[in-house]
N, C-alpha and C. Protein backbone atom coordinates (compact mmCIF):
# COMPACT_ATOMS: atom_id res chain seq x y z
N MET A 1 0.84 -1.19 0.00
CA MET A 1 0.00 0.00 0.00
C MET A 1 0.88 1.25 0.00
N THR A 2 0.49 2.23 -0.77
CA THR A 2 1.23 3.48 -0.84
C THR A 2 1.04 4.27 0.44
N PRO A 3 2.13 4.74 1.04
CA PRO A 3 1.99 5.54 2.26
C PRO A 3 1.36 6.89 1.97
N THR A 4 0.74 7.47 2.98
CA THR A 4 0.21 8.83 2.84
C THR A 4 1.40 9.78 2.83
N PRO A 5 1.59 10.51 1.74
CA PRO A 5 2.78 11.37 1.67
C PRO A 5 2.63 12.62 2.52
N THR A 6 3.76 13.08 3.02
CA THR A 6 3.83 14.41 3.61
C THR A 6 3.96 15.39 2.45
N ILE A 7 3.16 16.44 2.47
CA ILE A 7 3.22 17.45 1.42
C ILE A 7 4.18 18.54 1.87
N LEU A 8 5.18 18.80 1.06
CA LEU A 8 6.18 19.81 1.35
C LEU A 8 5.95 21.01 0.43
N ILE A 9 5.59 22.13 1.01
CA ILE A 9 5.38 23.37 0.26
C ILE A 9 6.66 24.19 0.36
N VAL A 10 7.24 24.53 -0.77
CA VAL A 10 8.45 25.35 -0.78
C VAL A 10 8.10 26.64 -1.51
N ASP A 11 7.88 27.70 -0.73
CA ASP A 11 7.44 28.98 -1.30
C ASP A 11 7.84 30.09 -0.35
N ASP A 12 8.52 31.10 -0.86
CA ASP A 12 8.95 32.21 -0.01
C ASP A 12 7.81 33.17 0.30
N ASP A 13 6.69 33.06 -0.38
CA ASP A 13 5.54 33.92 -0.13
C ASP A 13 4.65 33.25 0.92
N GLU A 14 4.69 33.77 2.13
CA GLU A 14 3.93 33.20 3.25
C GLU A 14 2.44 33.14 2.94
N GLY A 15 1.91 34.18 2.28
CA GLY A 15 0.50 34.20 1.92
C GLY A 15 0.13 33.07 0.97
N HIS A 16 0.99 32.82 -0.01
CA HIS A 16 0.73 31.71 -0.94
C HIS A 16 0.77 30.38 -0.20
N ALA A 17 1.74 30.22 0.70
CA ALA A 17 1.87 28.96 1.44
C ALA A 17 0.63 28.71 2.30
N ILE A 18 0.13 29.74 2.95
CA ILE A 18 -1.08 29.60 3.77
C ILE A 18 -2.27 29.25 2.89
N LEU A 19 -2.40 29.94 1.77
CA LEU A 19 -3.50 29.69 0.84
C LEU A 19 -3.44 28.25 0.30
N ILE A 20 -2.25 27.79 -0.01
CA ILE A 20 -2.10 26.41 -0.49
C ILE A 20 -2.53 25.43 0.59
N ARG A 21 -2.02 25.61 1.80
CA ARG A 21 -2.37 24.71 2.90
C ARG A 21 -3.88 24.71 3.15
N GLU A 22 -4.48 25.88 3.27
CA GLU A 22 -5.91 25.97 3.56
C GLU A 22 -6.76 25.30 2.49
N ASN A 23 -6.37 25.47 1.23
CA ASN A 23 -7.17 24.89 0.15
C ASN A 23 -6.93 23.39 -0.02
N LEU A 24 -5.76 22.91 0.31
CA LEU A 24 -5.54 21.46 0.33
C LEU A 24 -6.39 20.84 1.44
N GLU A 25 -6.43 21.49 2.58
CA GLU A 25 -7.27 20.99 3.68
C GLU A 25 -8.75 21.09 3.32
N ALA A 26 -9.14 22.16 2.64
CA ALA A 26 -10.54 22.32 2.22
C ALA A 26 -10.93 21.24 1.22
N ALA A 27 -9.96 20.70 0.50
CA ALA A 27 -10.22 19.62 -0.45
C ALA A 27 -10.36 18.27 0.27
N GLY A 28 -10.16 18.28 1.58
CA GLY A 28 -10.33 17.06 2.36
C GLY A 28 -9.05 16.31 2.68
N LEU A 29 -7.91 16.89 2.33
CA LEU A 29 -6.65 16.20 2.62
C LEU A 29 -6.33 16.29 4.11
N SER A 30 -5.87 15.18 4.65
CA SER A 30 -5.44 15.17 6.05
C SER A 30 -3.94 14.86 6.13
N ASN A 31 -3.25 14.94 5.01
CA ASN A 31 -1.81 14.70 4.97
C ASN A 31 -1.09 15.70 5.87
N ARG A 32 0.04 15.29 6.40
CA ARG A 32 0.90 16.23 7.10
C ARG A 32 1.43 17.20 6.05
N ILE A 33 1.48 18.48 6.40
CA ILE A 33 1.97 19.52 5.48
C ILE A 33 3.07 20.30 6.18
N ARG A 34 4.19 20.48 5.50
CA ARG A 34 5.29 21.29 6.03
C ARG A 34 5.61 22.39 5.03
N HIS A 35 5.99 23.55 5.56
CA HIS A 35 6.32 24.69 4.72
C HIS A 35 7.80 25.04 4.88
N PHE A 36 8.47 25.25 3.77
CA PHE A 36 9.86 25.69 3.74
C PHE A 36 9.89 27.01 2.99
N ARG A 37 10.61 28.00 3.51
CA ARG A 37 10.55 29.36 2.98
C ARG A 37 11.54 29.67 1.85
N ASP A 38 12.45 28.75 1.56
CA ASP A 38 13.38 28.98 0.45
C ASP A 38 13.98 27.67 0.00
N GLY A 39 14.65 27.71 -1.13
CA GLY A 39 15.22 26.51 -1.70
C GLY A 39 16.30 25.88 -0.84
N GLN A 40 17.09 26.69 -0.16
CA GLN A 40 18.13 26.12 0.69
C GLN A 40 17.53 25.33 1.85
N ALA A 41 16.42 25.78 2.39
CA ALA A 41 15.79 25.08 3.51
C ALA A 41 15.33 23.68 3.11
N ILE A 42 14.77 23.52 1.91
CA ILE A 42 14.34 22.19 1.49
C ILE A 42 15.54 21.32 1.15
N LEU A 43 16.58 21.89 0.59
CA LEU A 43 17.79 21.11 0.33
C LEU A 43 18.41 20.63 1.63
N ASP A 44 18.43 21.49 2.65
CA ASP A 44 18.93 21.08 3.96
C ASP A 44 18.10 19.94 4.52
N PHE A 45 16.79 20.01 4.36
CA PHE A 45 15.91 18.94 4.85
C PHE A 45 16.28 17.60 4.21
N PHE A 46 16.47 17.59 2.90
CA PHE A 46 16.75 16.33 2.21
C PHE A 46 18.21 15.88 2.33
N PHE A 47 19.16 16.82 2.30
CA PHE A 47 20.56 16.42 2.22
C PHE A 47 21.32 16.51 3.54
N LYS A 48 20.80 17.26 4.52
CA LYS A 48 21.46 17.33 5.83
C LYS A 48 20.66 16.57 6.89
N ASP A 49 19.37 16.87 6.97
CA ASP A 49 18.52 16.21 7.97
C ASP A 49 18.26 14.75 7.59
N ARG A 50 18.20 14.48 6.29
CA ARG A 50 17.99 13.14 5.76
C ARG A 50 16.75 12.45 6.32
N PRO A 51 15.59 12.65 5.69
CA PRO A 51 14.40 11.93 6.14
C PRO A 51 14.61 10.42 6.06
N ALA A 52 13.86 9.70 6.84
CA ALA A 52 14.02 8.24 6.94
C ALA A 52 13.64 7.54 5.65
N PRO A 53 14.40 6.50 5.28
CA PRO A 53 13.97 5.67 4.16
C PRO A 53 12.58 5.12 4.47
N GLY A 54 11.76 5.07 3.46
CA GLY A 54 10.40 4.59 3.66
C GLY A 54 9.39 5.72 3.77
N ASP A 55 9.87 6.94 4.06
CA ASP A 55 8.97 8.09 4.09
C ASP A 55 8.57 8.43 2.65
N ALA A 56 7.41 9.06 2.51
CA ALA A 56 6.94 9.48 1.19
C ALA A 56 6.60 10.96 1.23
N PHE A 57 6.93 11.65 0.16
CA PHE A 57 6.73 13.09 0.09
C PHE A 57 6.19 13.48 -1.28
N LEU A 58 5.42 14.56 -1.29
CA LEU A 58 5.01 15.23 -2.51
C LEU A 58 5.50 16.66 -2.37
N LEU A 59 6.31 17.11 -3.30
CA LEU A 59 6.94 18.42 -3.23
C LEU A 59 6.20 19.41 -4.13
N LEU A 60 5.71 20.50 -3.54
CA LEU A 60 5.11 21.61 -4.28
C LEU A 60 6.15 22.73 -4.26
N LEU A 61 6.74 23.02 -5.39
CA LEU A 61 7.94 23.84 -5.45
C LEU A 61 7.75 25.09 -6.30
N ASP A 62 7.98 26.25 -5.67
CA ASP A 62 7.98 27.53 -6.38
C ASP A 62 9.31 27.66 -7.12
N ILE A 63 9.37 28.53 -8.10
CA ILE A 63 10.62 28.76 -8.84
C ILE A 63 11.38 29.96 -8.28
N ARG A 64 10.72 31.09 -8.20
CA ARG A 64 11.38 32.34 -7.79
C ARG A 64 11.46 32.40 -6.27
N MET A 65 12.65 32.08 -5.73
CA MET A 65 12.86 32.10 -4.29
C MET A 65 14.28 32.59 -3.98
N PRO A 66 14.47 33.09 -2.77
CA PRO A 66 15.82 33.51 -2.38
C PRO A 66 16.71 32.31 -2.08
N LYS A 67 17.99 32.57 -2.00
CA LYS A 67 19.05 31.61 -1.68
C LYS A 67 19.26 30.60 -2.80
N VAL A 68 18.32 29.69 -3.01
CA VAL A 68 18.41 28.71 -4.10
C VAL A 68 17.04 28.68 -4.78
N ASP A 69 17.03 28.88 -6.10
CA ASP A 69 15.73 28.90 -6.79
C ASP A 69 15.20 27.49 -7.01
N GLY A 70 13.93 27.41 -7.37
CA GLY A 70 13.27 26.12 -7.51
C GLY A 70 13.83 25.25 -8.62
N ILE A 71 14.33 25.84 -9.67
CA ILE A 71 14.92 25.04 -10.75
C ILE A 71 16.18 24.33 -10.26
N GLU A 72 16.99 25.03 -9.48
CA GLU A 72 18.19 24.40 -8.93
C GLU A 72 17.83 23.33 -7.90
N VAL A 73 16.80 23.57 -7.10
CA VAL A 73 16.33 22.54 -6.16
C VAL A 73 15.91 21.30 -6.94
N LEU A 74 15.12 21.50 -7.98
CA LEU A 74 14.67 20.39 -8.82
C LEU A 74 15.86 19.63 -9.40
N ARG A 75 16.84 20.35 -9.92
CA ARG A 75 18.03 19.73 -10.51
C ARG A 75 18.74 18.85 -9.48
N ARG A 76 18.94 19.36 -8.28
CA ARG A 76 19.67 18.60 -7.26
C ARG A 76 18.89 17.38 -6.78
N ILE A 77 17.60 17.54 -6.63
CA ILE A 77 16.78 16.41 -6.18
C ILE A 77 16.78 15.31 -7.24
N LYS A 78 16.59 15.67 -8.48
CA LYS A 78 16.51 14.66 -9.54
C LYS A 78 17.87 14.05 -9.86
N ALA A 79 18.96 14.70 -9.44
CA ALA A 79 20.31 14.14 -9.64
C ALA A 79 20.68 13.14 -8.55
N ASP A 80 19.94 13.12 -7.46
CA ASP A 80 20.25 12.23 -6.34
C ASP A 80 19.53 10.89 -6.53
N PRO A 81 20.26 9.78 -6.50
CA PRO A 81 19.62 8.48 -6.75
C PRO A 81 18.55 8.11 -5.72
N ASN A 82 18.65 8.63 -4.50
CA ASN A 82 17.65 8.31 -3.47
C ASN A 82 16.41 9.19 -3.55
N LEU A 83 16.50 10.30 -4.29
CA LEU A 83 15.39 11.25 -4.35
C LEU A 83 14.78 11.38 -5.73
N ARG A 84 15.40 10.83 -6.74
CA ARG A 84 14.97 11.11 -8.12
C ARG A 84 13.53 10.71 -8.42
N LYS A 85 12.97 9.77 -7.66
CA LYS A 85 11.59 9.35 -7.91
C LYS A 85 10.58 10.23 -7.17
N LEU A 86 11.07 11.16 -6.37
CA LEU A 86 10.20 12.07 -5.62
C LEU A 86 9.34 12.88 -6.59
N PRO A 87 8.01 12.84 -6.45
CA PRO A 87 7.18 13.65 -7.33
C PRO A 87 7.30 15.14 -6.98
N VAL A 88 7.54 15.94 -7.99
CA VAL A 88 7.72 17.38 -7.81
C VAL A 88 6.72 18.11 -8.70
N ILE A 89 5.89 18.91 -8.08
CA ILE A 89 4.95 19.77 -8.81
C ILE A 89 5.48 21.19 -8.73
N MET A 90 5.85 21.74 -9.87
CA MET A 90 6.28 23.13 -9.92
C MET A 90 5.01 23.97 -9.84
N LEU A 91 4.91 24.77 -8.81
CA LEU A 91 3.72 25.57 -8.56
C LEU A 91 4.19 27.02 -8.47
N THR A 92 4.04 27.75 -9.58
CA THR A 92 4.70 29.04 -9.68
C THR A 92 3.90 30.03 -10.51
N THR A 93 4.19 31.30 -10.35
CA THR A 93 3.53 32.33 -11.15
C THR A 93 4.16 32.43 -12.54
N THR A 94 5.32 31.84 -12.73
CA THR A 94 6.07 31.94 -13.98
C THR A 94 5.42 31.13 -15.09
N ASP A 95 5.24 31.77 -16.24
CA ASP A 95 4.70 31.05 -17.40
C ASP A 95 5.66 31.11 -18.58
N ASP A 96 6.93 31.34 -18.31
CA ASP A 96 7.96 31.40 -19.35
C ASP A 96 8.11 30.01 -19.97
N SER A 97 7.87 29.90 -21.26
CA SER A 97 7.89 28.59 -21.92
C SER A 97 9.25 27.91 -21.81
N ARG A 98 10.33 28.68 -21.76
CA ARG A 98 11.67 28.09 -21.61
C ARG A 98 11.82 27.44 -20.24
N GLU A 99 11.25 28.07 -19.21
CA GLU A 99 11.34 27.48 -17.87
C GLU A 99 10.45 26.25 -17.75
N ILE A 100 9.30 26.27 -18.41
CA ILE A 100 8.42 25.09 -18.40
C ILE A 100 9.16 23.90 -19.02
N VAL A 101 9.78 24.11 -20.17
CA VAL A 101 10.54 23.04 -20.84
C VAL A 101 11.69 22.59 -19.96
N ARG A 102 12.42 23.54 -19.39
CA ARG A 102 13.58 23.21 -18.54
C ARG A 102 13.15 22.36 -17.34
N CYS A 103 12.05 22.73 -16.68
CA CYS A 103 11.58 21.96 -15.53
C CYS A 103 11.20 20.54 -15.92
N HIS A 104 10.55 20.38 -17.06
CA HIS A 104 10.20 19.04 -17.52
C HIS A 104 11.45 18.25 -17.91
N GLU A 105 12.42 18.91 -18.54
CA GLU A 105 13.67 18.23 -18.87
C GLU A 105 14.39 17.75 -17.62
N LEU A 106 14.29 18.51 -16.54
CA LEU A 106 14.95 18.14 -15.28
C LEU A 106 14.16 17.08 -14.50
N GLY A 107 12.92 16.83 -14.90
CA GLY A 107 12.18 15.74 -14.28
C GLY A 107 11.01 16.12 -13.40
N CYS A 108 10.49 17.35 -13.52
CA CYS A 108 9.30 17.67 -12.72
C CYS A 108 8.14 16.79 -13.17
N SER A 109 7.26 16.51 -12.25
CA SER A 109 6.09 15.67 -12.56
C SER A 109 5.01 16.48 -13.24
N VAL A 110 4.81 17.71 -12.74
CA VAL A 110 3.75 18.59 -13.25
C VAL A 110 4.26 20.03 -13.13
N TYR A 111 3.90 20.86 -14.08
CA TYR A 111 4.19 22.30 -14.02
C TYR A 111 2.84 23.00 -13.99
N MET A 112 2.58 23.69 -12.89
CA MET A 112 1.27 24.33 -12.71
C MET A 112 1.48 25.82 -12.43
N GLN A 113 0.87 26.66 -13.24
CA GLN A 113 0.98 28.10 -13.02
C GLN A 113 -0.06 28.54 -11.99
N LYS A 114 0.40 29.31 -11.00
CA LYS A 114 -0.51 29.85 -9.99
C LYS A 114 -1.34 30.95 -10.65
N PRO A 115 -2.65 30.82 -10.65
CA PRO A 115 -3.46 31.93 -11.16
C PRO A 115 -3.27 33.17 -10.29
N VAL A 116 -3.28 34.33 -10.90
CA VAL A 116 -3.11 35.58 -10.16
C VAL A 116 -4.35 35.90 -9.33
N ASP A 117 -5.51 35.59 -9.86
CA ASP A 117 -6.78 35.84 -9.19
C ASP A 117 -6.93 34.92 -7.97
N TYR A 118 -7.27 35.48 -6.82
CA TYR A 118 -7.39 34.74 -5.56
C TYR A 118 -8.35 33.55 -5.68
N ASP A 119 -9.54 33.77 -6.21
CA ASP A 119 -10.53 32.70 -6.30
C ASP A 119 -10.07 31.58 -7.25
N ARG A 120 -9.47 31.96 -8.35
CA ARG A 120 -8.97 30.94 -9.30
C ARG A 120 -7.81 30.16 -8.70
N PHE A 121 -6.94 30.86 -7.95
CA PHE A 121 -5.81 30.19 -7.28
C PHE A 121 -6.35 29.19 -6.26
N SER A 122 -7.31 29.62 -5.45
CA SER A 122 -7.90 28.73 -4.44
C SER A 122 -8.53 27.51 -5.10
N GLU A 123 -9.26 27.73 -6.16
CA GLU A 123 -9.93 26.62 -6.86
C GLU A 123 -8.90 25.66 -7.46
N ALA A 124 -7.83 26.19 -8.04
CA ALA A 124 -6.79 25.34 -8.62
C ALA A 124 -6.16 24.45 -7.55
N ILE A 125 -5.90 24.99 -6.38
CA ILE A 125 -5.29 24.21 -5.30
C ILE A 125 -6.28 23.17 -4.76
N ARG A 126 -7.54 23.53 -4.64
CA ARG A 126 -8.55 22.54 -4.20
C ARG A 126 -8.62 21.39 -5.19
N ARG A 127 -8.56 21.69 -6.47
CA ARG A 127 -8.58 20.62 -7.48
C ARG A 127 -7.33 19.75 -7.38
N LEU A 128 -6.20 20.39 -7.16
CA LEU A 128 -4.97 19.63 -6.95
C LEU A 128 -5.12 18.72 -5.72
N GLY A 129 -5.70 19.26 -4.65
CA GLY A 129 -5.94 18.47 -3.44
C GLY A 129 -6.85 17.28 -3.69
N GLY A 130 -7.80 17.43 -4.58
CA GLY A 130 -8.68 16.32 -4.92
C GLY A 130 -7.97 15.23 -5.69
N PHE A 131 -6.90 15.58 -6.34
CA PHE A 131 -6.12 14.65 -7.15
C PHE A 131 -5.11 13.85 -6.31
N VAL A 132 -4.59 14.46 -5.24
CA VAL A 132 -3.51 13.87 -4.44
C VAL A 132 -3.84 12.47 -3.91
N PRO A 133 -5.05 12.20 -3.40
CA PRO A 133 -5.30 10.85 -2.86
C PRO A 133 -5.16 9.72 -3.89
N PHE A 134 -5.20 10.06 -5.16
CA PHE A 134 -5.12 9.05 -6.20
C PHE A 134 -3.68 8.81 -6.69
N LEU A 135 -2.75 9.61 -6.20
CA LEU A 135 -1.35 9.48 -6.62
C LEU A 135 -0.71 8.26 -5.97
N GLN A 136 0.08 7.56 -6.72
CA GLN A 136 0.90 6.46 -6.20
C GLN A 136 2.31 7.03 -6.03
N ILE A 137 2.71 7.26 -4.80
CA ILE A 137 3.97 7.94 -4.51
C ILE A 137 4.95 6.95 -3.90
N PRO A 138 6.12 6.80 -4.51
CA PRO A 138 7.11 5.85 -3.98
C PRO A 138 7.71 6.35 -2.67
N ARG A 139 8.10 5.40 -1.85
CA ARG A 139 8.81 5.72 -0.61
C ARG A 139 10.26 6.08 -0.97
N LEU A 140 10.90 6.87 -0.09
CA LEU A 140 12.31 7.16 -0.29
C LEU A 140 13.12 5.88 -0.11
N SER A 141 14.16 5.74 -0.90
CA SER A 141 15.02 4.58 -0.75
C SER A 141 16.13 4.90 0.23
N ALA A 142 16.76 3.87 0.74
CA ALA A 142 17.87 4.04 1.67
C ALA A 142 19.08 4.59 0.93
N GLY A 143 19.84 5.42 1.59
CA GLY A 143 20.98 5.98 0.91
C GLY A 143 22.10 6.03 1.79
């Protein structure tokens, strides 16, 4: 059986992170949710803190962040043999076609543009939340 993944939100915009969490919960998700405020914080979580093998995560990753941007986070995660199967949803305001292609080339699972309108953004996240229970997410391997 697939474990219930912890959802990791990586977004420097506190308002967006709160909105994402609230709308995932409004969609009925009871998954544990953690928020990281920049790319370096999530890299530290995976490469310094080292979550336990067998844990499962779904990463919601912004692109434009301080310290380390989301594209570099994606590159490092997908380059690591223990993390490369981690599902990563790029959740960003950026709609630059070159960045969309680059993220897919690096191995993102989904590229989703955050709608600028509050109601549309909320609805998009609720729909994403409705999709999460159907995902088959692999556990982290030992490293």
